Amino acid sequence: MLNENDKIIAHVSSAIAVYSIRSSNGMLTNDISMIDFILKTTPKNLEAKVSIDLIDDVFSYISGTHFDT
């Protein structure tokens, strides 16, 4: 079972991936930033625990991880 922190990190990571895909496919308007996208898609029960620092940490980790696809 995932604890609350695991769920938050999973959501932020997923939202970053979705934002990146939609952005590269031209499916997002130019007026929404990645931060705004993440915050708008965060479930209500997790909103209080999501912070800019957490988003930055997750983004830095993902950016530093190289996938051979």
PDB file of N, CA and C in Angstrom:
ATOM      1  N   MET A   1       0.846  -1.177   0.000  1.00  0.00           N
ATOM      2  CA  MET A   1       0.000   0.000   0.000  1.00  0.00           C
ATOM      3  C   MET A   1       0.889   1.237   0.000  1.00  0.00           C
ATOM      4  N   LEU A   2       0.561   2.194  -0.817  1.00  0.00           N
ATOM      5  CA  LEU A   2       1.317   3.435  -0.879  1.00  0.00           C
ATOM      6  C   LEU A   2       0.901   4.369   0.259  1.00  0.00           C
ATOM      7  N   ASN A   3       1.885   5.006   0.869  1.00  0.00           N
ATOM      8  CA  ASN A   3       1.537   6.010   1.863  1.00  0.00           C
ATOM      9  C   ASN A   3       1.275   7.336   1.131  1.00  0.00           C
ATOM     10  N   GLU A   4       0.905   8.364   1.867  1.00  0.00           N
ATOM     11  CA  GLU A   4       0.531   9.641   1.257  1.00  0.00           C
ATOM     12  C   GLU A   4       1.693  10.263   0.474  1.00  0.00           C
ATOM     13  N   ASN A   5       2.900  10.200   1.016  1.00  0.00           N
ATOM     14  CA  ASN A   5       4.054  10.764   0.309  1.00  0.00           C
ATOM     15  C   ASN A   5       4.330  10.027  -0.994  1.00  0.00           C
ATOM     16  N   ASP A   6       4.197   8.706  -0.982  1.00  0.00           N
ATOM     17  CA  ASP A   6       4.373   7.922  -2.206  1.00  0.00           C
ATOM     18  C   ASP A   6       3.354   8.344  -3.268  1.00  0.00           C
ATOM     19  N   LYS A   7       2.124   8.550  -2.845  1.00  0.00           N
ATOM     20  CA  LYS A   7       1.066   8.956  -3.775  1.00  0.00           C
ATOM     21  C   LYS A   7       1.349  10.334  -4.370  1.00  0.00           C
ATOM     22  N   ILE A   8       1.834  11.239  -3.548  1.00  0.00           N
ATOM     23  CA  ILE A   8       2.147  12.587  -4.021  1.00  0.00           C
ATOM     24  C   ILE A   8       3.272  12.536  -5.049  1.00  0.00           C
ATOM     25  N   ILE A   9       4.328  11.814  -4.754  1.00  0.00           N
ATOM     26  CA  ILE A   9       5.455  11.698  -5.678  1.00  0.00           C
ATOM     27  C   ILE A   9       5.013  11.016  -6.972  1.00  0.00           C
ATOM     28  N   ALA A  10       4.193   9.983  -6.870  1.00  0.00           N
ATOM     29  CA  ALA A  10       3.679   9.308  -8.067  1.00  0.00           C
ATOM     30  C   ALA A  10       2.855  10.265  -8.917  1.00  0.00           C
ATOM     31  N   HIS A  11       2.009  11.058  -8.276  1.00  0.00           N
ATOM     32  CA  HIS A  11       1.191  12.011  -9.020  1.00  0.00           C
ATOM     33  C   HIS A  11       2.051  13.063  -9.710  1.00  0.00           C
ATOM     34  N   VAL A  12       2.980  13.646  -8.985  1.00  0.00           N
ATOM     35  CA  VAL A  12       3.823  14.699  -9.562  1.00  0.00           C
ATOM     36  C   VAL A  12       4.631  14.138 -10.733  1.00  0.00           C
ATOM     37  N   SER A  13       5.195  12.969 -10.571  1.00  0.00           N
ATOM     38  CA  SER A  13       5.969  12.330 -11.630  1.00  0.00           C
ATOM     39  C   SER A  13       5.105  12.074 -12.867  1.00  0.00           C
ATOM     40  N   SER A  14       3.937  11.549 -12.644  1.00  0.00           N
ATOM     41  CA  SER A  14       3.002  11.279 -13.739  1.00  0.00           C
ATOM     42  C   SER A  14       2.572  12.569 -14.428  1.00  0.00           C
ATOM     43  N   ALA A  15       2.270  13.592 -13.648  1.00  0.00           N
ATOM     44  CA  ALA A  15       1.838  14.872 -14.219  1.00  0.00           C
ATOM     45  C   ALA A  15       2.947  15.504 -15.055  1.00  0.00           C
ATOM     46  N   ILE A  16       4.196  15.370 -14.625  1.00  0.00           N
ATOM     47  CA  ILE A  16       5.328  15.885 -15.405  1.00  0.00           C
ATOM     48  C   ILE A  16       5.395  15.164 -16.744  1.00  0.00           C
ATOM     49  N   ALA A  17       5.233  13.846 -16.724  1.00  0.00           N
ATOM     50  CA  ALA A  17       5.276  13.067 -17.970  1.00  0.00           C
ATOM     51  C   ALA A  17       4.134  13.453 -18.903  1.00  0.00           C
ATOM     52  N   VAL A  18       2.927  13.557 -18.368  1.00  0.00           N
ATOM     53  CA  VAL A  18       1.767  13.922 -19.184  1.00  0.00           C
ATOM     54  C   VAL A  18       1.940  15.320 -19.759  1.00  0.00           C
ATOM     55  N   TYR A  19       2.391  16.255 -18.938  1.00  0.00           N
ATOM     56  CA  TYR A  19       2.620  17.626 -19.409  1.00  0.00           C
ATOM     57  C   TYR A  19       3.636  17.628 -20.553  1.00  0.00           C
ATOM     58  N   SER A  20       4.724  16.912 -20.378  1.00  0.00           N
ATOM     59  CA  SER A  20       5.776  16.879 -21.399  1.00  0.00           C
ATOM     60  C   SER A  20       5.270  16.307 -22.715  1.00  0.00           C
ATOM     61  N   ILE A  21       4.521  15.230 -22.639  1.00  0.00           N
ATOM     62  CA  ILE A  21       3.976  14.612 -23.850  1.00  0.00           C
ATOM     63  C   ILE A  21       2.975  15.534 -24.525  1.00  0.00           C
ATOM     64  N   ARG A  22       2.045  16.058 -23.753  1.00  0.00           N
ATOM     65  CA  ARG A  22       1.035  16.953 -24.332  1.00  0.00           C
ATOM     66  C   ARG A  22       1.662  18.219 -24.887  1.00  0.00           C
ATOM     67  N   SER A  23       2.662  18.743 -24.213  1.00  0.00           N
ATOM     68  CA  SER A  23       3.331  19.953 -24.676  1.00  0.00           C
ATOM     69  C   SER A  23       4.056  19.702 -25.997  1.00  0.00           C
ATOM     70  N   SER A  24       4.764  18.583 -26.090  1.00  0.00           N
ATOM     71  CA  SER A  24       5.508  18.286 -27.314  1.00  0.00           C
ATOM     72  C   SER A  24       4.587  17.952 -28.486  1.00  0.00           C
ATOM     73  N   ASN A  25       3.367  17.512 -28.192  1.00  0.00           N
ATOM     74  CA  ASN A  25       2.390  17.209 -29.245  1.00  0.00           C
ATOM     75  C   ASN A  25       1.488  18.391 -29.558  1.00  0.00           C
ATOM     76  N   GLY A  26       1.737  19.536 -28.932  1.00  0.00           N
ATOM     77  CA  GLY A  26       0.937  20.727 -29.183  1.00  0.00           C
ATOM     78  C   GLY A  26      -0.477  20.650 -28.633  1.00  0.00           C
ATOM     79  N   MET A  27      -0.670  19.846 -27.603  1.00  0.00           N
ATOM     80  CA  MET A  27      -2.002  19.639 -27.039  1.00  0.00           C
ATOM     81  C   MET A  27      -2.303  20.569 -25.864  1.00  0.00           C
ATOM     82  N   LEU A  28      -1.364  21.449 -25.521  1.00  0.00           N
ATOM     83  CA  LEU A  28      -1.568  22.395 -24.426  1.00  0.00           C
ATOM     84  C   LEU A  28      -1.476  23.813 -24.965  1.00  0.00           C
ATOM     85  N   THR A  29      -2.194  24.693 -24.322  1.00  0.00           N
ATOM     86  CA  THR A  29      -2.069  26.102 -24.678  1.00  0.00           C
ATOM     87  C   THR A  29      -0.770  26.641 -24.081  1.00  0.00           C
ATOM     88  N   ASN A  30      -0.280  27.716 -24.625  1.00  0.00           N
ATOM     89  CA  ASN A  30       0.982  28.296 -24.163  1.00  0.00           C
ATOM     90  C   ASN A  30       0.866  28.989 -22.818  1.00  0.00           C
ATOM     91  N   ASP A  31      -0.353  29.174 -22.320  1.00  0.00           N
ATOM     92  CA  ASP A  31      -0.526  29.921 -21.076  1.00  0.00           C
ATOM     93  C   ASP A  31      -0.528  29.052 -19.820  1.00  0.00           C
ATOM     94  N   ILE A  32      -0.199  27.765 -19.941  1.00  0.00           N
ATOM     95  CA  ILE A  32      -0.139  26.911 -18.750  1.00  0.00           C
ATOM     96  C   ILE A  32       1.281  26.379 -18.575  1.00  0.00           C
ATOM     97  N   SER A  33       1.830  26.644 -17.413  1.00  0.00           N
ATOM     98  CA  SER A  33       3.175  26.161 -17.101  1.00  0.00           C
ATOM     99  C   SER A  33       3.080  24.746 -16.526  1.00  0.00           C
ATOM    100  N   MET A  34       4.217  24.099 -16.444  1.00  0.00           N
ATOM    101  CA  MET A  34       4.241  22.759 -15.866  1.00  0.00           C
ATOM    102  C   MET A  34       3.759  22.793 -14.419  1.00  0.00           C
ATOM    103  N   ILE A  35       4.187  23.802 -13.670  1.00  0.00           N
ATOM    104  CA  ILE A  35       3.770  23.929 -12.273  1.00  0.00           C
ATOM    105  C   ILE A  35       2.251  24.062 -12.183  1.00  0.00           C
ATOM    106  N   ASP A  36       1.681  24.947 -12.995  1.00  0.00           N
ATOM    107  CA  ASP A  36       0.227  25.132 -13.003  1.00  0.00           C
ATOM    108  C   ASP A  36      -0.486  23.835 -13.359  1.00  0.00           C
ATOM    109  N   PHE A  37       0.028  23.119 -14.355  1.00  0.00           N
ATOM    110  CA  PHE A  37      -0.571  21.854 -14.778  1.00  0.00           C
ATOM    111  C   PHE A  37      -0.573  20.854 -13.624  1.00  0.00           C
ATOM    112  N   ILE A  38       0.562  20.743 -12.953  1.00  0.00           N
ATOM    113  CA  ILE A  38       0.663  19.808 -11.824  1.00  0.00           C
ATOM    114  C   ILE A  38      -0.318  20.186 -10.722  1.00  0.00           C
ATOM    115  N   LEU A  39      -0.338  21.461 -10.378  1.00  0.00           N
ATOM    116  CA  LEU A  39      -1.221  21.905  -9.297  1.00  0.00           C
ATOM    117  C   LEU A  39      -2.694  21.745  -9.660  1.00  0.00           C
ATOM    118  N   LYS A  40      -3.050  21.964 -10.915  1.00  0.00           N
ATOM    119  CA  LYS A  40      -4.447  21.832 -11.330  1.00  0.00           C
ATOM    120  C   LYS A  40      -4.895  20.377 -11.419  1.00  0.00           C
ATOM    121  N   THR A  41      -3.957  19.457 -11.581  1.00  0.00           N
ATOM    122  CA  THR A  41      -4.324  18.046 -11.695  1.00  0.00           C
ATOM    123  C   THR A  41      -4.153  17.270 -10.394  1.00  0.00           C
ATOM    124  N   THR A  42      -3.682  17.944  -9.363  1.00  0.00           N
ATOM    125  CA  THR A  42      -3.478  17.279  -8.076  1.00  0.00           C
ATOM    126  C   THR A  42      -4.825  16.983  -7.412  1.00  0.00           C
ATOM    127  N   PRO A  43      -5.037  15.732  -6.998  1.00  0.00           N
ATOM    128  CA  PRO A  43      -6.271  15.409  -6.283  1.00  0.00           C
ATOM    129  C   PRO A  43      -6.412  16.258  -5.018  1.00  0.00           C
ATOM    130  N   LYS A  44      -7.630  16.616  -4.693  1.00  0.00           N
ATOM    131  CA  LYS A  44      -7.918  17.496  -3.547  1.00  0.00           C
ATOM    132  C   LYS A  44      -7.302  16.986  -2.249  1.00  0.00           C
ATOM    133  N   ASN A  45      -7.338  15.684  -2.051  1.00  0.00           N
ATOM    134  CA  ASN A  45      -6.834  15.132  -0.793  1.00  0.00           C
ATOM    135  C   ASN A  45      -5.310  15.196  -0.675  1.00  0.00           C
ATOM    136  N   LEU A  46      -4.608  15.523  -1.761  1.00  0.00           N
ATOM    137  CA  LEU A  46      -3.155  15.612  -1.721  1.00  0.00           C
ATOM    138  C   LEU A  46      -2.635  17.042  -1.865  1.00  0.00           C
ATOM    139  N   GLU A  47      -3.510  17.979  -2.185  1.00  0.00           N
ATOM    140  CA  GLU A  47      -3.096  19.358  -2.481  1.00  0.00           C
ATOM    141  C   GLU A  47      -2.240  19.994  -1.392  1.00  0.00           C
ATOM    142  N   ALA A  48      -2.589  19.805  -0.153  1.00  0.00           N
ATOM    143  CA  ALA A  48      -1.889  20.476   0.948  1.00  0.00           C
ATOM    144  C   ALA A  48      -0.428  20.049   1.051  1.00  0.00           C
ATOM    145  N   LYS A  49      -0.095  18.883   0.557  1.00  0.00           N
ATOM    146  CA  LYS A  49       1.268  18.366   0.691  1.00  0.00           C
ATOM    147  C   LYS A  49       2.149  18.655  -0.523  1.00  0.00           C
ATOM    148  N   VAL A  50       1.570  19.129  -1.619  1.00  0.00           N
ATOM    149  CA  VAL A  50       2.351  19.417  -2.826  1.00  0.00           C
ATOM    150  C   VAL A  50       2.968  20.805  -2.691  1.00  0.00           C
ATOM    151  N   SER A  51       4.272  20.883  -2.903  1.00  0.00           N
ATOM    152  CA  SER A  51       4.969  22.161  -2.807  1.00  0.00           C
ATOM    153  C   SER A  51       5.862  22.350  -4.033  1.00  0.00           C
ATOM    154  N   ILE A  52       6.266  23.571  -4.247  1.00  0.00           N
ATOM    155  CA  ILE A  52       7.190  23.875  -5.343  1.00  0.00           C
ATOM    156  C   ILE A  52       8.498  23.117  -5.130  1.00  0.00           C
ATOM    157  N   ASP A  53       8.967  23.044  -3.897  1.00  0.00           N
ATOM    158  CA  ASP A  53      10.210  22.317  -3.611  1.00  0.00           C
ATOM    159  C   ASP A  53      10.092  20.845  -3.982  1.00  0.00           C
ATOM    160  N   LEU A  54       8.970  20.228  -3.657  1.00  0.00           N
ATOM    161  CA  LEU A  54       8.760  18.828  -4.004  1.00  0.00           C
ATOM    162  C   LEU A  54       8.733  18.661  -5.519  1.00  0.00           C
ATOM    163  N   ILE A  55       8.003  19.529  -6.214  1.00  0.00           N
ATOM    164  CA  ILE A  55       7.938  19.460  -7.674  1.00  0.00           C
ATOM    165  C   ILE A  55       9.346  19.609  -8.258  1.00  0.00           C
ATOM    166  N   ASP A  56      10.106  20.563  -7.757  1.00  0.00           N
ATOM    167  CA  ASP A  56      11.486  20.763  -8.232  1.00  0.00           C
ATOM    168  C   ASP A  56      12.345  19.524  -7.991  1.00  0.00           C
ATOM    169  N   ASP A  57      12.219  18.917  -6.822  1.00  0.00           N
ATOM    170  CA  ASP A  57      12.997  17.712  -6.505  1.00  0.00           C
ATOM    171  C   ASP A  57      12.655  16.569  -7.450  1.00  0.00           C
ATOM    172  N   VAL A  58      11.368  16.342  -7.671  1.00  0.00           N
ATOM    173  CA  VAL A  58      10.944  15.256  -8.558  1.00  0.00           C
ATOM    174  C   VAL A  58      11.399  15.548  -9.990  1.00  0.00           C
ATOM    175  N   PHE A  59      11.220  16.793 -10.440  1.00  0.00           N
ATOM    176  CA  PHE A  59      11.637  17.166 -11.785  1.00  0.00           C
ATOM    177  C   PHE A  59      13.145  16.996 -11.955  1.00  0.00           C
ATOM    178  N   SER A  60      13.915  17.405 -10.973  1.00  0.00           N
ATOM    179  CA  SER A  60      15.376  17.252 -11.043  1.00  0.00           C
ATOM    180  C   SER A  60      15.777  15.787 -11.130  1.00  0.00           C
ATOM    181  N   TYR A  61      15.111  14.963 -10.343  1.00  0.00           N
ATOM    182  CA  TYR A  61      15.413  13.527 -10.380  1.00  0.00           C
ATOM    183  C   TYR A  61      15.081  12.942 -11.751  1.00  0.00           C
ATOM    184  N   ILE A  62      13.898  13.269 -12.266  1.00  0.00           N
ATOM    185  CA  ILE A  62      13.485  12.741 -13.566  1.00  0.00           C
ATOM    186  C   ILE A  62      14.417  13.246 -14.667  1.00  0.00           C
ATOM    187  N   SER A  63      14.761  14.518 -14.613  1.00  0.00           N
ATOM    188  CA  SER A  63      15.636  15.098 -15.629  1.00  0.00           C
ATOM    189  C   SER A  63      17.030  14.473 -15.614  1.00  0.00           C
ATOM    190  N   GLY A  64      17.472  14.051 -14.454  1.00  0.00           N
ATOM    191  CA  GLY A  64      18.793  13.447 -14.324  1.00  0.00           C
ATOM    192  C   GLY A  64      18.829  11.970 -14.646  1.00  0.00           C
ATOM    193  N   THR A  65      17.676  11.385 -14.846  1.00  0.00           N
ATOM    194  CA  THR A  65      17.586   9.964 -15.154  1.00  0.00           C
ATOM    195  C   THR A  65      17.440   9.800 -16.659  1.00  0.00           C
ATOM    196  N   HIS A  66      18.317   9.057 -17.260  1.00  0.00           N
ATOM    197  CA  HIS A  66      18.284   8.874 -18.712  1.00  0.00           C
ATOM    198  C   HIS A  66      17.696   7.519 -19.050  1.00  0.00           C
ATOM    199  N   PHE A  67      16.702   7.535 -19.922  1.00  0.00           N
ATOM    200  CA  PHE A  67      16.041   6.318 -20.356  1.00  0.00           C
ATOM    201  C   PHE A  67      16.440   6.038 -21.795  1.00  0.00           C
ATOM    202  N   ASP A  68      16.797   4.817 -22.088  1.00  0.00           N
ATOM    203  CA  ASP A  68      17.070   4.425 -23.470  1.00  0.00           C
ATOM    204  C   ASP A  68      15.781   3.889 -24.071  1.00  0.00           C
ATOM    205  N   THR A  69      15.114   4.765 -24.828  1.00  0.00           N
ATOM    206  CA  THR A  69      13.857   4.354 -25.450  1.00  0.00           C
ATOM    207  C   THR A  69      13.941   4.443 -26.939  1.00  0.00           C
TER     208      THR A  69
END
